[in-house]
Amino acid sequence: MAGLPRRIIKETQHLLAEPVPGIKAEPDKSNAHYFHVVIAGPQDSPFEGGTFKRQLFLPEEYPMAAPKVCFMSKIYHANVDKLGRVCLDTLKDNMDRLYAMNNI
């Protein structure tokens, strides 16, 4: 993990030491900015019993720049496009409006 921002190193160590139930996340062996993630479908949901593979990328500017997330497993969800990319333009637009209203 040499050469990574301290924040990414610290959060990766925490994630590996205390994994989140139902989520398996491992940094890629060749690039620790990339993570291979497997998420169990939540109980009492249409996704229960499924496992969903994702890739997560932490940009150099993280945490000031959002992680990039992509589903590798086929999934049908309003906020996931046909290539598996998480699309949260509505959320981004709302945050931009909030910042503008508060002069941030």
Protein backbone atom coordinates (compact mmCIF):
# COMPACT_ATOMS: atom_id res chain seq x y z
CA MET A 1 0.00 0.00 0.00
CA ALA A 2 2.99 2.26 -0.34
CA GLY A 3 2.32 5.51 -2.13
CA LEU A 4 -1.36 5.62 -1.17
CA PRO A 5 -2.94 8.51 0.68
CA ARG A 6 -2.95 7.89 4.43
CA ARG A 7 -6.76 8.06 4.51
CA ILE A 8 -7.10 5.14 2.06
CA ILE A 9 -4.54 3.07 3.98
CA LYS A 10 -6.29 3.69 7.30
CA GLU A 11 -9.77 2.91 5.95
CA THR A 12 -8.57 -0.22 4.14
CA GLN A 13 -6.92 -1.53 7.32
CA HIS A 14 -10.12 -0.83 9.28
CA LEU A 15 -12.27 -2.56 6.65
CA LEU A 16 -10.05 -5.66 6.66
CA ALA A 17 -9.87 -5.77 10.48
CA GLU A 18 -13.60 -5.23 11.01
CA PRO A 19 -15.52 -6.42 7.93
CA VAL A 20 -19.11 -5.28 7.50
CA PRO A 21 -21.60 -8.21 7.76
CA GLY A 22 -22.85 -9.20 4.31
CA ILE A 23 -20.06 -7.34 2.50
CA LYS A 24 -16.71 -8.73 1.43
CA ALA A 25 -14.27 -6.09 0.16
CA GLU A 26 -10.68 -6.73 -0.82
CA PRO A 27 -8.17 -4.35 -2.38
CA ASP A 28 -6.88 -5.40 -5.79
CA LYS A 29 -3.41 -6.96 -5.59
CA SER A 30 -1.98 -4.75 -8.35
CA ASN A 31 -3.73 -1.45 -7.50
CA ALA A 32 -4.93 -0.71 -3.96
CA HIS A 33 -7.17 2.09 -5.26
CA TYR A 34 -9.41 -0.67 -6.68
CA PHE A 35 -11.53 -2.96 -4.52
CA HIS A 36 -13.35 -6.15 -5.40
CA VAL A 37 -16.60 -6.18 -3.47
CA VAL A 38 -19.25 -8.87 -3.02
CA ILE A 39 -22.51 -7.86 -1.36
CA ALA A 40 -25.17 -10.27 -0.09
CA GLY A 41 -28.72 -9.29 -1.06
CA PRO A 42 -30.55 -7.74 1.92
CA GLN A 43 -33.05 -9.89 3.81
CA ASP A 44 -36.72 -9.29 3.10
CA SER A 45 -35.94 -7.65 -0.24
CA PRO A 46 -36.28 -8.82 -3.86
CA PHE A 47 -32.48 -9.27 -3.80
CA GLU A 48 -32.45 -11.67 -0.80
CA GLY A 49 -30.35 -14.76 -1.47
CA GLY A 50 -28.38 -13.10 -4.25
CA THR A 51 -24.74 -12.09 -4.27
CA PHE A 52 -23.67 -9.06 -6.24
CA LYS A 53 -20.15 -8.36 -7.45
CA ARG A 54 -18.99 -4.76 -7.64
CA GLN A 55 -15.82 -2.88 -8.35
CA LEU A 56 -14.99 0.23 -6.38
CA PHE A 57 -12.32 2.78 -7.24
CA LEU A 58 -11.04 5.40 -4.81
CA PRO A 59 -9.64 8.36 -6.75
CA GLU A 60 -6.45 10.08 -5.63
CA GLU A 61 -8.57 13.01 -4.39
CA TYR A 62 -10.64 10.75 -2.09
CA PRO A 63 -12.47 11.70 0.17
CA MET A 64 -13.01 15.05 -1.57
CA ALA A 65 -13.93 13.14 -4.75
CA ALA A 66 -16.52 10.39 -4.55
CA PRO A 67 -15.59 6.73 -5.13
CA LYS A 68 -16.54 5.24 -8.50
CA VAL A 69 -18.73 2.15 -8.19
CA CYS A 70 -19.72 -0.36 -10.85
CA PHE A 71 -21.81 -3.53 -10.58
CA MET A 72 -20.15 -6.47 -12.27
CA SER A 73 -23.23 -8.64 -11.66
CA LYS A 74 -26.29 -7.92 -13.76
CA ILE A 75 -28.77 -5.94 -11.68
CA TYR A 76 -31.95 -4.06 -12.44
CA HIS A 77 -32.28 -0.91 -10.35
CA ALA A 78 -33.39 2.65 -11.14
CA ASN A 79 -29.99 4.07 -10.14
CA VAL A 80 -27.85 1.54 -12.04
CA ASP A 81 -27.37 1.89 -15.80
CA LYS A 82 -27.06 -1.00 -18.27
CA LEU A 83 -23.25 -1.01 -17.88
CA GLY A 84 -23.52 -1.42 -14.09
CA ARG A 85 -22.54 2.15 -13.24
CA VAL A 86 -24.25 3.74 -10.27
CA CYS A 87 -26.04 6.84 -11.51
CA LEU A 88 -26.84 9.37 -8.83
CA ASP A 89 -27.22 12.52 -10.92
CA THR A 90 -30.40 13.38 -9.05
CA LEU A 91 -28.54 13.27 -5.75
CA LYS A 92 -25.66 15.32 -7.19
CA ASP A 93 -28.07 17.92 -8.61
CA ASN A 94 -29.83 18.20 -5.24
CA MET A 95 -26.50 18.64 -3.42
CA ASP A 96 -25.44 21.34 -5.92
CA ARG A 97 -28.71 23.19 -5.26
CA LEU A 98 -28.25 22.84 -1.49
CA TYR A 99 -24.72 24.24 -1.67
CA ALA A 100 -25.92 27.13 -3.84
CA MET A 101 -28.75 27.94 -1.41
CA ASN A 102 -26.32 27.98 1.52
CA ASN A 103 -23.58 29.84 -0.37
CA ILE A 104 -21.11 27.04 0.29
